[in-house]
């Protein structure tokens, strides 16, 4: 099964590519995984931007008729669609606050952009390569 990197910046194109190749169906199910990051003590924490990116891909898959969604995927889709201001949600998150405090507020805006990239990256030989 292929591994594709996705995020808010490319949610629509990733979902389109998956749907175009028949993924998101009972015959070709997929897993959408929000990666996360680490707290200062080294323990894993969810990353809002990663969660919203995964949710955005699930939402787009739903609009491309990927069916049936698992209960978890359906909940993720609804959560994403209810977030009115994605940029503010990322800004208010722990990683957003850390980036701003470190002088990287611009990175928050970039991470929260929706569908600004048209390139899908596929894992091949241990590295991600541009697939389209």
C-alpha atoms as a PDB file:
ATOM      1  CA  UNK A   1       0.000   0.000   0.000  1.00  0.00           C
ATOM      2  CA  UNK A   2       1.420   3.436  -0.867  1.00  0.00           C
ATOM      3  CA  UNK A   3       2.261   6.018   1.776  1.00  0.00           C
ATOM      4  CA  UNK A   4       1.350   9.588   0.848  1.00  0.00           C
ATOM      5  CA  UNK A   5       2.268  12.708   2.835  1.00  0.00           C
ATOM      6  CA  UNK A   6      -0.584  15.139   3.268  1.00  0.00           C
ATOM      7  CA  UNK A   7      -1.426  18.286   5.202  1.00  0.00           C
ATOM      8  CA  UNK A   8      -3.756  21.279   5.134  1.00  0.00           C
ATOM      9  CA  UNK A   9      -1.705  22.784   2.321  1.00  0.00           C
ATOM     10  CA  UNK A  10      -2.499  19.865   0.002  1.00  0.00           C
ATOM     11  CA  UNK A  11      -5.626  18.186   1.429  1.00  0.00           C
ATOM     12  CA  UNK A  12      -7.741  18.468  -1.715  1.00  0.00           C
ATOM     13  CA  UNK A  13      -5.112  17.215  -4.148  1.00  0.00           C
ATOM     14  CA  UNK A  14      -4.197  14.290  -1.869  1.00  0.00           C
ATOM     15  CA  UNK A  15      -7.845  13.266  -1.513  1.00  0.00           C
ATOM     16  CA  UNK A  16      -8.378  13.624  -5.258  1.00  0.00           C
ATOM     17  CA  UNK A  17      -5.381  11.411  -6.048  1.00  0.00           C
ATOM     18  CA  UNK A  18      -6.484   8.761  -3.564  1.00  0.00           C
ATOM     19  CA  UNK A  19     -10.057   8.768  -4.854  1.00  0.00           C
ATOM     20  CA  UNK A  20      -8.910   8.724  -8.480  1.00  0.00           C
ATOM     21  CA  UNK A  21      -6.976   5.523  -7.773  1.00  0.00           C
ATOM     22  CA  UNK A  22      -9.905   3.901  -5.986  1.00  0.00           C
ATOM     23  CA  UNK A  23      -8.666   4.338  -2.440  1.00  0.00           C
ATOM     24  CA  UNK A  24     -11.175   5.026   0.290  1.00  0.00           C
ATOM     25  CA  UNK A  25     -13.471   2.197  -0.771  1.00  0.00           C
ATOM     26  CA  UNK A  26     -14.202  -1.163   0.882  1.00  0.00           C
ATOM     27  CA  UNK A  27     -11.911  -2.770  -1.706  1.00  0.00           C
ATOM     28  CA  UNK A  28      -9.079  -0.273  -1.145  1.00  0.00           C
ATOM     29  CA  UNK A  29      -9.373   1.067   2.408  1.00  0.00           C
ATOM     30  CA  UNK A  30      -6.960   3.699   3.683  1.00  0.00           C
ATOM     31  CA  UNK A  31      -5.680   4.938   7.019  1.00  0.00           C
ATOM     32  CA  UNK A  32      -5.237   8.661   7.585  1.00  0.00           C
ATOM     33  CA  UNK A  33      -2.826   9.339  10.439  1.00  0.00           C
ATOM     34  CA  UNK A  34      -2.121  12.671  12.156  1.00  0.00           C
ATOM     35  CA  UNK A  35       1.542  12.505  13.144  1.00  0.00           C
ATOM     36  CA  UNK A  36       1.920  14.774  16.184  1.00  0.00           C
ATOM     37  CA  UNK A  37       4.993  16.145  17.908  1.00  0.00           C
ATOM     38  CA  UNK A  38       6.733  16.109  21.281  1.00  0.00           C
ATOM     39  CA  UNK A  39       6.273  17.975  24.551  1.00  0.00           C
ATOM     40  CA  UNK A  40       9.476  19.465  25.996  1.00  0.00           C
ATOM     41  CA  UNK A  41       9.843  16.359  28.214  1.00  0.00           C
ATOM     42  CA  UNK A  42       9.929  14.116  25.127  1.00  0.00           C
ATOM     43  CA  UNK A  43       6.434  12.637  25.424  1.00  0.00           C
ATOM     44  CA  UNK A  44       4.204  12.575  22.373  1.00  0.00           C
ATOM     45  CA  UNK A  45       1.474  15.192  21.986  1.00  0.00           C
ATOM     46  CA  UNK A  46      -1.123  15.756  19.311  1.00  0.00           C
ATOM     47  CA  UNK A  47      -0.407  18.599  16.902  1.00  0.00           C
ATOM     48  CA  UNK A  48      -3.507  20.577  15.985  1.00  0.00           C
ATOM     49  CA  UNK A  49      -2.173  21.369  12.517  1.00  0.00           C
ATOM     50  CA  UNK A  50      -1.543  17.662  11.869  1.00  0.00           C
ATOM     51  CA  UNK A  51      -4.942  16.676  13.227  1.00  0.00           C
ATOM     52  CA  UNK A  52      -6.703  19.313  11.123  1.00  0.00           C
ATOM     53  CA  UNK A  53      -4.689  18.283   8.061  1.00  0.00           C
ATOM     54  CA  UNK A  54      -5.751  14.650   8.468  1.00  0.00           C
ATOM     55  CA  UNK A  55      -9.328  15.744   9.095  1.00  0.00           C
ATOM     56  CA  UNK A  56      -9.269  17.959   5.976  1.00  0.00           C
ATOM     57  CA  UNK A  57      -8.138  15.010   3.851  1.00  0.00           C
ATOM     58  CA  UNK A  58     -10.931  12.854   5.302  1.00  0.00           C
ATOM     59  CA  UNK A  59     -13.443  15.632   4.625  1.00  0.00           C
ATOM     60  CA  UNK A  60     -12.287  15.885   1.013  1.00  0.00           C
ATOM     61  CA  UNK A  61     -12.407  12.104   0.609  1.00  0.00           C
ATOM     62  CA  UNK A  62     -16.002  12.202   1.828  1.00  0.00           C
ATOM     63  CA  UNK A  63     -16.847  14.726  -0.919  1.00  0.00           C
ATOM     64  CA  UNK A  64     -15.153  12.414  -3.438  1.00  0.00           C
ATOM     65  CA  UNK A  65     -17.567   9.665  -2.318  1.00  0.00           C
ATOM     66  CA  UNK A  66     -15.088   7.635  -0.294  1.00  0.00           C
ATOM     67  CA  UNK A  67     -17.462   5.349   1.571  1.00  0.00           C
ATOM     68  CA  UNK A  68     -18.039   4.076   4.092  1.00  0.00           C
ATOM     69  CA  UNK A  69     -16.158   6.218   6.586  1.00  0.00           C
ATOM     70  CA  UNK A  70     -15.280   4.546   9.862  1.00  0.00           C
ATOM     71  CA  UNK A  71     -16.847   6.068  12.967  1.00  0.00           C
ATOM     72  CA  UNK A  72     -13.487   7.682  13.752  1.00  0.00           C
ATOM     73  CA  UNK A  73     -13.114   9.139  10.261  1.00  0.00           C
ATOM     74  CA  UNK A  74     -16.699  10.435  10.290  1.00  0.00           C
ATOM     75  CA  UNK A  75     -16.052  12.146  13.632  1.00  0.00           C
ATOM     76  CA  UNK A  76     -12.801  13.654  12.305  1.00  0.00           C
ATOM     77  CA  UNK A  77     -14.630  14.981   9.237  1.00  0.00           C
ATOM     78  CA  UNK A  78     -17.291  16.664  11.350  1.00  0.00           C
ATOM     79  CA  UNK A  79     -14.686  18.141  13.695  1.00  0.00           C
ATOM     80  CA  UNK A  80     -12.763  19.667  10.789  1.00  0.00           C
ATOM     81  CA  UNK A  81     -15.879  21.062   9.150  1.00  0.00           C
ATOM     82  CA  UNK A  82     -16.876  22.746  12.430  1.00  0.00           C
ATOM     83  CA  UNK A  83     -13.576  24.617  12.844  1.00  0.00           C
ATOM     84  CA  UNK A  84     -14.386  28.109  11.602  1.00  0.00           C
ATOM     85  CA  UNK A  85     -10.876  29.577  11.752  1.00  0.00           C
ATOM     86  CA  UNK A  86      -8.156  27.010  11.114  1.00  0.00           C
ATOM     87  CA  UNK A  87      -5.370  29.596  11.331  1.00  0.00           C
ATOM     88  CA  UNK A  88      -6.571  30.707  14.766  1.00  0.00           C
ATOM     89  CA  UNK A  89      -6.833  27.110  15.975  1.00  0.00           C
ATOM     90  CA  UNK A  90      -3.229  26.495  14.933  1.00  0.00           C
ATOM     91  CA  UNK A  91      -2.109  29.812  16.445  1.00  0.00           C
ATOM     92  CA  UNK A  92      -3.759  28.934  19.780  1.00  0.00           C
ATOM     93  CA  UNK A  93      -2.248  25.436  19.913  1.00  0.00           C
ATOM     94  CA  UNK A  94       0.854  24.580  21.963  1.00  0.00           C
ATOM     95  CA  UNK A  95       2.992  24.300  18.828  1.00  0.00           C
ATOM     96  CA  UNK A  96       1.620  27.610  17.530  1.00  0.00           C
ATOM     97  CA  UNK A  97       2.462  29.356  20.781  1.00  0.00           C
ATOM     98  CA  UNK A  98       5.948  27.797  20.773  1.00  0.00           C
ATOM     99  CA  UNK A  99       6.599  28.909  17.200  1.00  0.00           C
ATOM    100  CA  UNK A 100       5.419  32.461  17.926  1.00  0.00           C
ATOM    101  CA  UNK A 101       7.546  32.683  21.073  1.00  0.00           C
ATOM    102  CA  UNK A 102      10.590  31.504  19.097  1.00  0.00           C
ATOM    103  CA  UNK A 103      10.027  34.184  16.438  1.00  0.00           C
ATOM    104  CA  UNK A 104       8.475  31.914  13.805  1.00  0.00           C
ATOM    105  CA  UNK A 105       4.922  33.276  13.681  1.00  0.00           C
ATOM    106  CA  UNK A 106       5.116  33.225   9.868  1.00  0.00           C
ATOM    107  CA  UNK A 107       5.436  29.431  10.011  1.00  0.00           C
ATOM    108  CA  UNK A 108       2.044  29.263  11.720  1.00  0.00           C
ATOM    109  CA  UNK A 109       0.407  31.082   8.831  1.00  0.00           C
ATOM    110  CA  UNK A 110       2.116  28.784   6.329  1.00  0.00           C
ATOM    111  CA  UNK A 111       1.096  25.615   8.201  1.00  0.00           C
ATOM    112  CA  UNK A 112      -2.533  26.785   8.326  1.00  0.00           C
ATOM    113  CA  UNK A 113      -2.837  27.580   4.603  1.00  0.00           C
ATOM    114  CA  UNK A 114      -5.413  25.471   2.793  1.00  0.00           C
ATOM    115  CA  UNK A 115      -4.737  23.928  -0.619  1.00  0.00           C
ATOM    116  CA  UNK A 116      -1.763  26.059  -1.601  1.00  0.00           C
ATOM    117  CA  UNK A 117       0.269  23.061  -2.827  1.00  0.00           C
ATOM    118  CA  UNK A 118      -0.629  20.909  -5.829  1.00  0.00           C
ATOM    119  CA  UNK A 119       2.165  18.360  -5.334  1.00  0.00           C
ATOM    120  CA  UNK A 120       1.501  14.936  -3.813  1.00  0.00           C
ATOM    121  CA  UNK A 121       4.495  13.221  -2.215  1.00  0.00           C
ATOM    122  CA  UNK A 122       4.750   9.429  -2.212  1.00  0.00           C
ATOM    123  CA  UNK A 123       7.116   7.371  -0.052  1.00  0.00           C
ATOM    124  CA  UNK A 124       9.543   5.545  -2.319  1.00  0.00           C
ATOM    125  CA  UNK A 125      12.838   3.947  -1.329  1.00  0.00           C
ATOM    126  CA  UNK A 126      12.776   5.514   2.128  1.00  0.00           C
ATOM    127  CA  UNK A 127      12.182   9.084   0.898  1.00  0.00           C
ATOM    128  CA  UNK A 128       9.200  11.127  -0.233  1.00  0.00           C
ATOM    129  CA  UNK A 129       9.193  11.971  -3.925  1.00  0.00           C
ATOM    130  CA  UNK A 130       6.866  14.161  -5.946  1.00  0.00           C
ATOM    131  CA  UNK A 131       4.205  11.861  -7.397  1.00  0.00           C
ATOM    132  CA  UNK A 132       2.298  14.497  -9.385  1.00  0.00           C
END
